[in-house]
Amino acid sequence: MPASYSPIILSHKPTNEVSMDPQVQAYIDSVSDERRELYLRLEARLMELYPDLSVKKSYGVVKYYRGKGYIYLGYWKQGVSLYPGKIAALEEFGRRHPEIRTRVGTIN
């Protein structure tokens, strides 16, 4: 394992273990409006589905990953965007949920 690897422990959850990377926590805390609440709900769902995810800041947003699979979560001025690693999954999501806006590589 790389020296920079550490398991994800979300600091906004009660824990006695190591906290999240300060850069990641600063990014999550960088807004205080409804976007943060949505971000935290999405993050909690990801961790519920995949409790062994690792996390790091990458490309200016937060990357949640396990093995070769990953998803990015990031703020934008009108909400939170998800950037899935698989275009086929995004296309399937768009077919199942036409009411939610998708673009090349993102769900807004």
PDB file of N, CA and C in Angstrom:
ATOM      1  N   MET A   1       0.816  -1.180   0.000  1.00  0.00           N
ATOM      2  CA  MET A   1       0.000   0.000   0.000  1.00  0.00           C
ATOM      3  C   MET A   1       0.863   1.249   0.000  1.00  0.00           C
ATOM      4  N   PRO A   2       0.444   2.313  -0.723  1.00  0.00           N
ATOM      5  CA  PRO A   2       1.219   3.553  -0.730  1.00  0.00           C
ATOM      6  C   PRO A   2       1.294   4.158   0.670  1.00  0.00           C
ATOM      7  N   ALA A   3       2.357   4.882   0.939  1.00  0.00           N
ATOM      8  CA  ALA A   3       2.530   5.509   2.244  1.00  0.00           C
ATOM      9  C   ALA A   3       1.409   6.488   2.560  1.00  0.00           C
ATOM     10  N   SER A   4       0.807   7.099   1.537  1.00  0.00           N
ATOM     11  CA  SER A   4      -0.250   8.084   1.758  1.00  0.00           C
ATOM     12  C   SER A   4      -1.609   7.450   2.022  1.00  0.00           C
ATOM     13  N   TYR A   5      -1.713   6.124   1.910  1.00  0.00           N
ATOM     14  CA  TYR A   5      -2.987   5.446   2.114  1.00  0.00           C
ATOM     15  C   TYR A   5      -3.392   5.494   3.576  1.00  0.00           C
ATOM     16  N   SER A   6      -4.640   5.807   3.812  1.00  0.00           N
ATOM     17  CA  SER A   6      -5.216   5.677   5.149  1.00  0.00           C
ATOM     18  C   SER A   6      -6.700   5.432   4.978  1.00  0.00           C
ATOM     19  N   PRO A   7      -7.287   4.626   5.839  1.00  0.00           N
ATOM     20  CA  PRO A   7      -8.712   4.363   5.703  1.00  0.00           C
ATOM     21  C   PRO A   7      -9.509   5.621   5.963  1.00  0.00           C
ATOM     22  N   ILE A   8     -10.675   5.719   5.340  1.00  0.00           N
ATOM     23  CA  ILE A   8     -11.507   6.904   5.513  1.00  0.00           C
ATOM     24  C   ILE A   8     -12.240   6.830   6.842  1.00  0.00           C
ATOM     25  N   ILE A   9     -12.125   7.866   7.621  1.00  0.00           N
ATOM     26  CA  ILE A   9     -12.890   8.047   8.842  1.00  0.00           C
ATOM     27  C   ILE A   9     -13.465   9.457   8.742  1.00  0.00           C
ATOM     28  N   LEU A  10     -14.756   9.568   8.678  1.00  0.00           N
ATOM     29  CA  LEU A  10     -15.384  10.875   8.493  1.00  0.00           C
ATOM     30  C   LEU A  10     -15.425  11.619   9.818  1.00  0.00           C
ATOM     31  N   SER A  11     -14.830  12.785   9.869  1.00  0.00           N
ATOM     32  CA  SER A  11     -14.701  13.493  11.130  1.00  0.00           C
ATOM     33  C   SER A  11     -16.014  14.083  11.615  1.00  0.00           C
ATOM     34  N   HIS A  12     -17.015  14.213  10.739  1.00  0.00           N
ATOM     35  CA  HIS A  12     -18.281  14.739  11.215  1.00  0.00           C
ATOM     36  C   HIS A  12     -19.148  13.645  11.825  1.00  0.00           C
ATOM     37  N   LYS A  13     -18.653  12.401  11.864  1.00  0.00           N
ATOM     38  CA  LYS A  13     -19.310  11.316  12.571  1.00  0.00           C
ATOM     39  C   LYS A  13     -18.583  11.152  13.907  1.00  0.00           C
ATOM     40  N   PRO A  14     -19.322  10.809  14.963  1.00  0.00           N
ATOM     41  CA  PRO A  14     -18.629  10.596  16.237  1.00  0.00           C
ATOM     42  C   PRO A  14     -17.641   9.435  16.115  1.00  0.00           C
ATOM     43  N   THR A  15     -16.413   9.667  16.524  1.00  0.00           N
ATOM     44  CA  THR A  15     -15.399   8.615  16.434  1.00  0.00           C
ATOM     45  C   THR A  15     -14.237   8.937  17.361  1.00  0.00           C
ATOM     46  N   ASN A  16     -13.552   7.922  17.777  1.00  0.00           N
ATOM     47  CA  ASN A  16     -12.330   8.102  18.561  1.00  0.00           C
ATOM     48  C   ASN A  16     -11.113   7.811  17.711  1.00  0.00           C
ATOM     49  N   GLU A  17     -11.326   7.587  16.423  1.00  0.00           N
ATOM     50  CA  GLU A  17     -10.238   7.215  15.535  1.00  0.00           C
ATOM     51  C   GLU A  17      -9.701   8.442  14.806  1.00  0.00           C
ATOM     52  N   VAL A  18      -8.778   8.205  13.893  1.00  0.00           N
ATOM     53  CA  VAL A  18      -8.120   9.262  13.128  1.00  0.00           C
ATOM     54  C   VAL A  18      -9.141  10.043  12.310  1.00  0.00           C
ATOM     55  N   SER A  19      -8.965  11.351  12.204  1.00  0.00           N
ATOM     56  CA  SER A  19      -9.862  12.210  11.437  1.00  0.00           C
ATOM     57  C   SER A  19      -9.518  12.180   9.958  1.00  0.00           C
ATOM     58  N   MET A  20     -10.432  12.732   9.166  1.00  0.00           N
ATOM     59  CA  MET A  20     -10.250  12.829   7.725  1.00  0.00           C
ATOM     60  C   MET A  20      -9.115  13.789   7.392  1.00  0.00           C
ATOM     61  N   ASP A  21      -8.529  13.592   6.235  1.00  0.00           N
ATOM     62  CA  ASP A  21      -7.499  14.478   5.701  1.00  0.00           C
ATOM     63  C   ASP A  21      -7.973  15.925   5.846  1.00  0.00           C
ATOM     64  N   PRO A  22      -7.151  16.806   6.413  1.00  0.00           N
ATOM     65  CA  PRO A  22      -7.556  18.202   6.621  1.00  0.00           C
ATOM     66  C   PRO A  22      -7.967  18.921   5.333  1.00  0.00           C
ATOM     67  N   GLN A  23      -7.330  18.615   4.198  1.00  0.00           N
ATOM     68  CA  GLN A  23      -7.719  19.249   2.930  1.00  0.00           C
ATOM     69  C   GLN A  23      -9.130  18.843   2.529  1.00  0.00           C
ATOM     70  N   VAL A  24      -9.457  17.581   2.736  1.00  0.00           N
ATOM     71  CA  VAL A  24     -10.800  17.091   2.407  1.00  0.00           C
ATOM     72  C   VAL A  24     -11.810  17.734   3.339  1.00  0.00           C
ATOM     73  N   GLN A  25     -11.514  17.746   4.625  1.00  0.00           N
ATOM     74  CA  GLN A  25     -12.446  18.342   5.587  1.00  0.00           C
ATOM     75  C   GLN A  25     -12.643  19.823   5.297  1.00  0.00           C
ATOM     76  N   ALA A  26     -11.577  20.540   4.959  1.00  0.00           N
ATOM     77  CA  ALA A  26     -11.691  21.965   4.636  1.00  0.00           C
ATOM     78  C   ALA A  26     -12.589  22.167   3.419  1.00  0.00           C
ATOM     79  N   TYR A  27     -12.465  21.292   2.419  1.00  0.00           N
ATOM     80  CA  TYR A  27     -13.313  21.392   1.236  1.00  0.00           C
ATOM     81  C   TYR A  27     -14.780  21.186   1.615  1.00  0.00           C
ATOM     82  N   ILE A  28     -15.065  20.144   2.385  1.00  0.00           N
ATOM     83  CA  ILE A  28     -16.446  19.859   2.798  1.00  0.00           C
ATOM     84  C   ILE A  28     -17.008  21.030   3.595  1.00  0.00           C
ATOM     85  N   ASP A  29     -16.194  21.611   4.454  1.00  0.00           N
ATOM     86  CA  ASP A  29     -16.633  22.714   5.308  1.00  0.00           C
ATOM     87  C   ASP A  29     -16.636  24.068   4.600  1.00  0.00           C
ATOM     88  N   SER A  30     -16.226  24.117   3.339  1.00  0.00           N
ATOM     89  CA  SER A  30     -16.065  25.405   2.647  1.00  0.00           C
ATOM     90  C   SER A  30     -17.376  26.098   2.323  1.00  0.00           C
ATOM     91  N   VAL A  31     -18.491  25.429   2.435  1.00  0.00           N
ATOM     92  CA  VAL A  31     -19.790  26.077   2.270  1.00  0.00           C
ATOM     93  C   VAL A  31     -20.647  25.753   3.491  1.00  0.00           C
ATOM     94  N   SER A  32     -21.571  26.630   3.792  1.00  0.00           N
ATOM     95  CA  SER A  32     -22.420  26.420   4.964  1.00  0.00           C
ATOM     96  C   SER A  32     -23.904  26.443   4.600  1.00  0.00           C
ATOM     97  N   ASP A  33     -24.203  26.402   3.334  1.00  0.00           N
ATOM     98  CA  ASP A  33     -25.598  26.456   2.912  1.00  0.00           C
ATOM     99  C   ASP A  33     -26.145  25.049   2.658  1.00  0.00           C
ATOM    100  N   GLU A  34     -27.273  24.964   1.963  1.00  0.00           N
ATOM    101  CA  GLU A  34     -27.934  23.677   1.725  1.00  0.00           C
ATOM    102  C   GLU A  34     -27.086  22.713   0.893  1.00  0.00           C
ATOM    103  N   ARG A  35     -26.092  23.221   0.179  1.00  0.00           N
ATOM    104  CA  ARG A  35     -25.209  22.334  -0.582  1.00  0.00           C
ATOM    105  C   ARG A  35     -24.439  21.407   0.357  1.00  0.00           C
ATOM    106  N   ARG A  36     -23.997  21.922   1.475  1.00  0.00           N
ATOM    107  CA  ARG A  36     -23.241  21.092   2.423  1.00  0.00           C
ATOM    108  C   ARG A  36     -24.124  19.980   2.966  1.00  0.00           C
ATOM    109  N   GLU A  37     -25.347  20.292   3.304  1.00  0.00           N
ATOM    110  CA  GLU A  37     -26.279  19.269   3.799  1.00  0.00           C
ATOM    111  C   GLU A  37     -26.477  18.172   2.760  1.00  0.00           C
ATOM    112  N   LEU A  38     -26.667  18.563   1.504  1.00  0.00           N
ATOM    113  CA  LEU A  38     -26.818  17.582   0.430  1.00  0.00           C
ATOM    114  C   LEU A  38     -25.535  16.769   0.264  1.00  0.00           C
ATOM    115  N   TYR A  39     -24.398  17.436   0.289  1.00  0.00           N
ATOM    116  CA  TYR A  39     -23.110  16.749   0.172  1.00  0.00           C
ATOM    117  C   TYR A  39     -22.976  15.682   1.254  1.00  0.00           C
ATOM    118  N   LEU A  40     -23.260  16.063   2.497  1.00  0.00           N
ATOM    119  CA  LEU A  40     -23.129  15.125   3.608  1.00  0.00           C
ATOM    120  C   LEU A  40     -24.096  13.951   3.484  1.00  0.00           C
ATOM    121  N   ARG A  41     -25.284  14.195   2.968  1.00  0.00           N
ATOM    122  CA  ARG A  41     -26.239  13.095   2.742  1.00  0.00           C
ATOM    123  C   ARG A  41     -25.726  12.144   1.676  1.00  0.00           C
ATOM    124  N   LEU A  42     -25.192  12.687   0.584  1.00  0.00           N
ATOM    125  CA  LEU A  42     -24.649  11.839  -0.479  1.00  0.00           C
ATOM    126  C   LEU A  42     -23.443  11.046   0.026  1.00  0.00           C
ATOM    127  N   GLU A  43     -22.581  11.715   0.771  1.00  0.00           N
ATOM    128  CA  GLU A  43     -21.411  11.045   1.321  1.00  0.00           C
ATOM    129  C   GLU A  43     -21.817   9.923   2.278  1.00  0.00           C
ATOM    130  N   ALA A  44     -22.799  10.195   3.124  1.00  0.00           N
ATOM    131  CA  ALA A  44     -23.266   9.172   4.065  1.00  0.00           C
ATOM    132  C   ALA A  44     -23.827   7.964   3.319  1.00  0.00           C
ATOM    133  N   ARG A  45     -24.534   8.212   2.235  1.00  0.00           N
ATOM    134  CA  ARG A  45     -25.079   7.104   1.432  1.00  0.00           C
ATOM    135  C   ARG A  45     -23.954   6.295   0.796  1.00  0.00           C
ATOM    136  N   LEU A  46     -22.951   6.971   0.254  1.00  0.00           N
ATOM    137  CA  LEU A  46     -21.795   6.264  -0.308  1.00  0.00           C
ATOM    138  C   LEU A  46     -21.139   5.378   0.741  1.00  0.00           C
ATOM    139  N   MET A  47     -20.939   5.923   1.943  1.00  0.00           N
ATOM    140  CA  MET A  47     -20.278   5.172   2.997  1.00  0.00           C
ATOM    141  C   MET A  47     -21.148   4.029   3.514  1.00  0.00           C
ATOM    142  N   GLU A  48     -22.442   4.215   3.456  1.00  0.00           N
ATOM    143  CA  GLU A  48     -23.362   3.140   3.841  1.00  0.00           C
ATOM    144  C   GLU A  48     -23.260   1.982   2.845  1.00  0.00           C
ATOM    145  N   LEU A  49     -23.208   2.322   1.568  1.00  0.00           N
ATOM    146  CA  LEU A  49     -23.128   1.302   0.518  1.00  0.00           C
ATOM    147  C   LEU A  49     -21.743   0.654   0.455  1.00  0.00           C
ATOM    148  N   TYR A  50     -20.702   1.448   0.664  1.00  0.00           N
ATOM    149  CA  TYR A  50     -19.322   0.983   0.533  1.00  0.00           C
ATOM    150  C   TYR A  50     -18.495   1.481   1.720  1.00  0.00           C
ATOM    151  N   PRO A  51     -18.619   0.845   2.877  1.00  0.00           N
ATOM    152  CA  PRO A  51     -17.945   1.359   4.080  1.00  0.00           C
ATOM    153  C   PRO A  51     -16.423   1.326   4.032  1.00  0.00           C
ATOM    154  N   ASP A  52     -15.849   0.623   3.079  1.00  0.00           N
ATOM    155  CA  ASP A  52     -14.393   0.546   2.995  1.00  0.00           C
ATOM    156  C   ASP A  52     -13.797   1.528   1.988  1.00  0.00           C
ATOM    157  N   LEU A  53     -14.554   2.537   1.579  1.00  0.00           N
ATOM    158  CA  LEU A  53     -14.035   3.538   0.651  1.00  0.00           C
ATOM    159  C   LEU A  53     -12.881   4.322   1.274  1.00  0.00           C
ATOM    160  N   SER A  54     -11.964   4.715   0.439  1.00  0.00           N
ATOM    161  CA  SER A  54     -10.911   5.642   0.827  1.00  0.00           C
ATOM    162  C   SER A  54     -11.264   6.990   0.216  1.00  0.00           C
ATOM    163  N   VAL A  55     -10.634   8.036   0.696  1.00  0.00           N
ATOM    164  CA  VAL A  55     -10.966   9.377   0.221  1.00  0.00           C
ATOM    165  C   VAL A  55      -9.714  10.226   0.113  1.00  0.00           C
ATOM    166  N   LYS A  56      -9.718  11.096  -0.893  1.00  0.00           N
ATOM    167  CA  LYS A  56      -8.648  12.078  -1.035  1.00  0.00           C
ATOM    168  C   LYS A  56      -9.171  13.233  -1.875  1.00  0.00           C
ATOM    169  N   LYS A  57      -8.483  14.358  -1.788  1.00  0.00           N
ATOM    170  CA  LYS A  57      -8.818  15.494  -2.632  1.00  0.00           C
ATOM    171  C   LYS A  57      -8.070  15.340  -3.938  1.00  0.00           C
ATOM    172  N   SER A  58      -8.789  15.479  -5.036  1.00  0.00           N
ATOM    173  CA  SER A  58      -8.201  15.279  -6.357  1.00  0.00           C
ATOM    174  C   SER A  58      -8.957  16.137  -7.362  1.00  0.00           C
ATOM    175  N   TYR A  59      -8.255  16.792  -8.256  1.00  0.00           N
ATOM    176  CA  TYR A  59      -8.860  17.673  -9.265  1.00  0.00           C
ATOM    177  C   TYR A  59      -9.749  18.743  -8.636  1.00  0.00           C
ATOM    178  N   GLY A  60      -9.436  19.173  -7.431  1.00  0.00           N
ATOM    179  CA  GLY A  60     -10.174  20.245  -6.777  1.00  0.00           C
ATOM    180  C   GLY A  60     -11.452  19.821  -6.091  1.00  0.00           C
ATOM    181  N   VAL A  61     -11.789  18.530  -6.139  1.00  0.00           N
ATOM    182  CA  VAL A  61     -12.973  18.000  -5.472  1.00  0.00           C
ATOM    183  C   VAL A  61     -12.561  16.768  -4.673  1.00  0.00           C
ATOM    184  N   VAL A  62     -13.522  16.060  -4.103  1.00  0.00           N
ATOM    185  CA  VAL A  62     -13.205  14.901  -3.273  1.00  0.00           C
ATOM    186  C   VAL A  62     -13.478  13.616  -4.039  1.00  0.00           C
ATOM    187  N   LYS A  63     -12.495  12.732  -4.009  1.00  0.00           N
ATOM    188  CA  LYS A  63     -12.588  11.444  -4.694  1.00  0.00           C
ATOM    189  C   LYS A  63     -12.781  10.347  -3.649  1.00  0.00           C
ATOM    190  N   TYR A  64     -13.841   9.565  -3.816  1.00  0.00           N
ATOM    191  CA  TYR A  64     -14.107   8.392  -2.997  1.00  0.00           C
ATOM    192  C   TYR A  64     -13.775   7.193  -3.867  1.00  0.00           C
ATOM    193  N   TYR A  65     -12.963   6.284  -3.373  1.00  0.00           N
ATOM    194  CA  TYR A  65     -12.524   5.199  -4.242  1.00  0.00           C
ATOM    195  C   TYR A  65     -12.280   3.908  -3.465  1.00  0.00           C
ATOM    196  N   ARG A  66     -12.362   2.837  -4.231  1.00  0.00           N
ATOM    197  CA  ARG A  66     -12.071   1.491  -3.733  1.00  0.00           C
ATOM    198  C   ARG A  66     -11.573   0.695  -4.923  1.00  0.00           C
ATOM    199  N   GLY A  67     -10.352   0.218  -4.869  1.00  0.00           N
ATOM    200  CA  GLY A  67      -9.785  -0.489  -6.009  1.00  0.00           C
ATOM    201  C   GLY A  67      -9.762   0.438  -7.213  1.00  0.00           C
ATOM    202  N   LYS A  68     -10.294  -0.030  -8.342  1.00  0.00           N
ATOM    203  CA  LYS A  68     -10.340   0.788  -9.559  1.00  0.00           C
ATOM    204  C   LYS A  68     -11.621   1.615  -9.662  1.00  0.00           C
ATOM    205  N   GLY A  69     -12.582   1.374  -8.779  1.00  0.00           N
ATOM    206  CA  GLY A  69     -13.834   2.120  -8.817  1.00  0.00           C
ATOM    207  C   GLY A  69     -13.728   3.430  -8.053  1.00  0.00           C
ATOM    208  N   TYR A  70     -14.386   4.456  -8.559  1.00  0.00           N
ATOM    209  CA  TYR A  70     -14.350   5.752  -7.893  1.00  0.00           C
ATOM    210  C   TYR A  70     -15.550   6.601  -8.279  1.00  0.00           C
ATOM    211  N   ILE A  71     -15.785   7.604  -7.455  1.00  0.00           N
ATOM    212  CA  ILE A  71     -16.777   8.641  -7.734  1.00  0.00           C
ATOM    213  C   ILE A  71     -16.262   9.918  -7.077  1.00  0.00           C
ATOM    214  N   TYR A  72     -16.443  11.033  -7.755  1.00  0.00           N
ATOM    215  CA  TYR A  72     -16.068  12.330  -7.213  1.00  0.00           C
ATOM    216  C   TYR A  72     -17.341  13.053  -6.776  1.00  0.00           C
ATOM    217  N   LEU A  73     -17.253  13.806  -5.681  1.00  0.00           N
ATOM    218  CA  LEU A  73     -18.319  14.712  -5.255  1.00  0.00           C
ATOM    219  C   LEU A  73     -17.728  16.108  -5.216  1.00  0.00           C
ATOM    220  N   GLY A  74     -18.463  17.066  -5.738  1.00  0.00           N
ATOM    221  CA  GLY A  74     -17.959  18.428  -5.735  1.00  0.00           C
ATOM    222  C   GLY A  74     -19.074  19.457  -5.694  1.00  0.00           C
ATOM    223  N   TYR A  75     -18.776  20.586  -5.081  1.00  0.00           N
ATOM    224  CA  TYR A  75     -19.718  21.705  -5.041  1.00  0.00           C
ATOM    225  C   TYR A  75     -19.684  22.457  -6.365  1.00  0.00           C
ATOM    226  N   TRP A  76     -20.793  23.002  -6.731  1.00  0.00           N
ATOM    227  CA  TRP A  76     -20.862  23.986  -7.785  1.00  0.00           C
ATOM    228  C   TRP A  76     -21.872  25.017  -7.328  1.00  0.00           C
ATOM    229  N   LYS A  77     -22.011  26.120  -8.019  1.00  0.00           N
ATOM    230  CA  LYS A  77     -22.780  27.249  -7.479  1.00  0.00           C
ATOM    231  C   LYS A  77     -24.247  26.930  -7.211  1.00  0.00           C
ATOM    232  N   GLN A  78     -24.808  25.937  -7.879  1.00  0.00           N
ATOM    233  CA  GLN A  78     -26.224  25.626  -7.676  1.00  0.00           C
ATOM    234  C   GLN A  78     -26.468  24.303  -6.971  1.00  0.00           C
ATOM    235  N   GLY A  79     -25.428  23.622  -6.508  1.00  0.00           N
ATOM    236  CA  GLY A  79     -25.650  22.356  -5.834  1.00  0.00           C
ATOM    237  C   GLY A  79     -24.396  21.534  -5.677  1.00  0.00           C
ATOM    238  N   VAL A  80     -24.592  20.225  -5.769  1.00  0.00           N
ATOM    239  CA  VAL A  80     -23.515  19.254  -5.650  1.00  0.00           C
ATOM    240  C   VAL A  80     -23.537  18.390  -6.893  1.00  0.00           C
ATOM    241  N   SER A  81     -22.386  18.126  -7.444  1.00  0.00           N
ATOM    242  CA  SER A  81     -22.288  17.263  -8.617  1.00  0.00           C
ATOM    243  C   SER A  81     -21.610  15.959  -8.255  1.00  0.00           C
ATOM    244  N   LEU A  82     -22.039  14.896  -8.918  1.00  0.00           N
ATOM    245  CA  LEU A  82     -21.392  13.593  -8.813  1.00  0.00           C
ATOM    246  C   LEU A  82     -20.712  13.330 -10.134  1.00  0.00           C
ATOM    247  N   TYR A  83     -19.499  12.850 -10.059  1.00  0.00           N
ATOM    248  CA  TYR A  83     -18.732  12.520 -11.248  1.00  0.00           C
ATOM    249  C   TYR A  83     -18.384  11.037 -11.174  1.00  0.00           C
ATOM    250  N   PRO A  84     -19.223  10.170 -11.731  1.00  0.00           N
ATOM    251  CA  PRO A  84     -18.955   8.733 -11.657  1.00  0.00           C
ATOM    252  C   PRO A  84     -17.810   8.346 -12.581  1.00  0.00           C
ATOM    253  N   GLY A  85     -17.130   7.293 -12.233  1.00  0.00           N
ATOM    254  CA  GLY A  85     -15.991   6.843 -13.016  1.00  0.00           C
ATOM    255  C   GLY A  85     -16.358   6.054 -14.258  1.00  0.00           C
ATOM    256  N   LYS A  86     -17.583   5.612 -14.358  1.00  0.00           N
ATOM    257  CA  LYS A  86     -18.006   4.775 -15.490  1.00  0.00           C
ATOM    258  C   LYS A  86     -19.062   5.520 -16.306  1.00  0.00           C
ATOM    259  N   ILE A  87     -18.756   5.829 -17.549  1.00  0.00           N
ATOM    260  CA  ILE A  87     -19.694   6.544 -18.420  1.00  0.00           C
ATOM    261  C   ILE A  87     -20.939   5.701 -18.670  1.00  0.00           C
ATOM    262  N   ALA A  88     -20.787   4.385 -18.808  1.00  0.00           N
ATOM    263  CA  ALA A  88     -21.944   3.518 -19.041  1.00  0.00           C
ATOM    264  C   ALA A  88     -22.935   3.609 -17.876  1.00  0.00           C
ATOM    265  N   ALA A  89     -22.422   3.682 -16.645  1.00  0.00           N
ATOM    266  CA  ALA A  89     -23.297   3.821 -15.479  1.00  0.00           C
ATOM    267  C   ALA A  89     -24.040   5.149 -15.519  1.00  0.00           C
ATOM    268  N   LEU A  90     -23.363   6.202 -15.945  1.00  0.00           N
ATOM    269  CA  LEU A  90     -23.989   7.511 -16.057  1.00  0.00           C
ATOM    270  C   LEU A  90     -25.092   7.501 -17.115  1.00  0.00           C
ATOM    271  N   GLU A  91     -24.834   6.857 -18.230  1.00  0.00           N
ATOM    272  CA  GLU A  91     -25.847   6.760 -19.284  1.00  0.00           C
ATOM    273  C   GLU A  91     -27.066   5.993 -18.794  1.00  0.00           C
ATOM    274  N   GLU A  92     -26.855   4.901 -18.073  1.00  0.00           N
ATOM    275  CA  GLU A  92     -27.965   4.125 -17.517  1.00  0.00           C
ATOM    276  C   GLU A  92     -28.746   4.970 -16.510  1.00  0.00           C
ATOM    277  N   PHE A  93     -28.049   5.703 -15.666  1.00  0.00           N
ATOM    278  CA  PHE A  93     -28.703   6.587 -14.705  1.00  0.00           C
ATOM    279  C   PHE A  93     -29.584   7.598 -15.444  1.00  0.00           C
ATOM    280  N   GLY A  94     -29.067   8.198 -16.515  1.00  0.00           N
ATOM    281  CA  GLY A  94     -29.821   9.171 -17.304  1.00  0.00           C
ATOM    282  C   GLY A  94     -31.090   8.574 -17.898  1.00  0.00           C
ATOM    283  N   ARG A  95     -31.018   7.337 -18.343  1.00  0.00           N
ATOM    284  CA  ARG A  95     -32.216   6.673 -18.879  1.00  0.00           C
ATOM    285  C   ARG A  95     -33.235   6.403 -17.775  1.00  0.00           C
ATOM    286  N   ARG A  96     -32.767   6.020 -16.605  1.00  0.00           N
ATOM    287  CA  ARG A  96     -33.672   5.710 -15.491  1.00  0.00           C
ATOM    288  C   ARG A  96     -34.257   6.954 -14.827  1.00  0.00           C
ATOM    289  N   HIS A  97     -33.510   8.048 -14.874  1.00  0.00           N
ATOM    290  CA  HIS A  97     -33.929   9.277 -14.174  1.00  0.00           C
ATOM    291  C   HIS A  97     -33.828  10.486 -15.095  1.00  0.00           C
ATOM    292  N   PRO A  98     -34.679  10.569 -16.111  1.00  0.00           N
ATOM    293  CA  PRO A  98     -34.586  11.690 -17.054  1.00  0.00           C
ATOM    294  C   PRO A  98     -34.883  13.050 -16.419  1.00  0.00           C
ATOM    295  N   GLU A  99     -35.507  13.049 -15.247  1.00  0.00           N
ATOM    296  CA  GLU A  99     -35.827  14.310 -14.574  1.00  0.00           C
ATOM    297  C   GLU A  99     -34.605  14.952 -13.922  1.00  0.00           C
ATOM    298  N   ILE A 100     -33.505  14.205 -13.788  1.00  0.00           N
ATOM    299  CA  ILE A 100     -32.283  14.725 -13.185  1.00  0.00           C
ATOM    300  C   ILE A 100     -31.297  15.048 -14.295  1.00  0.00           C
ATOM    301  N   ARG A 101     -30.771  16.253 -14.253  1.00  0.00           N
ATOM    302  CA  ARG A 101     -29.872  16.705 -15.314  1.00  0.00           C
ATOM    303  C   ARG A 101     -28.533  15.972 -15.265  1.00  0.00           C
ATOM    304  N   THR A 102     -28.119  15.462 -16.387  1.00  0.00           N
ATOM    305  CA  THR A 102     -26.796  14.866 -16.531  1.00  0.00           C
ATOM    306  C   THR A 102     -26.095  15.543 -17.691  1.00  0.00           C
ATOM    307  N   ARG A 103     -24.796  15.533 -17.646  1.00  0.00           N
ATOM    308  CA  ARG A 103     -23.945  16.061 -18.726  1.00  0.00           C
ATOM    309  C   ARG A 103     -22.834  15.058 -18.917  1.00  0.00           C
ATOM    310  N   VAL A 104     -21.958  15.344 -19.827  1.00  0.00           N
ATOM    311  CA  VAL A 104     -20.847  14.434 -20.089  1.00  0.00           C
ATOM    312  C   VAL A 104     -20.048  14.237 -18.787  1.00  0.00           C
ATOM    313  N   GLY A 105     -20.108  13.059 -18.221  1.00  0.00           N
ATOM    314  CA  GLY A 105     -19.329  12.721 -17.045  1.00  0.00           C
ATOM    315  C   GLY A 105     -19.851  13.204 -15.713  1.00  0.00           C
ATOM    316  N   THR A 106     -21.052  13.816 -15.667  1.00  0.00           N
ATOM    317  CA  THR A 106     -21.526  14.342 -14.380  1.00  0.00           C
ATOM    318  C   THR A 106     -23.030  14.236 -14.221  1.00  0.00           C
ATOM    319  N   ILE A 107     -23.447  14.175 -12.957  1.00  0.00           N
ATOM    320  CA  ILE A 107     -24.858  14.262 -12.564  1.00  0.00           C
ATOM    321  C   ILE A 107     -24.976  15.507 -11.725  1.00  0.00           C
ATOM    322  N   ASN A 108     -25.841  16.440 -12.115  1.00  0.00           N
ATOM    323  CA  ASN A 108     -26.008  17.698 -11.362  1.00  0.00           C
ATOM    324  C   ASN A 108     -27.342  17.698 -10.660  1.00  0.00           C
TER     325      ASN A 108
END
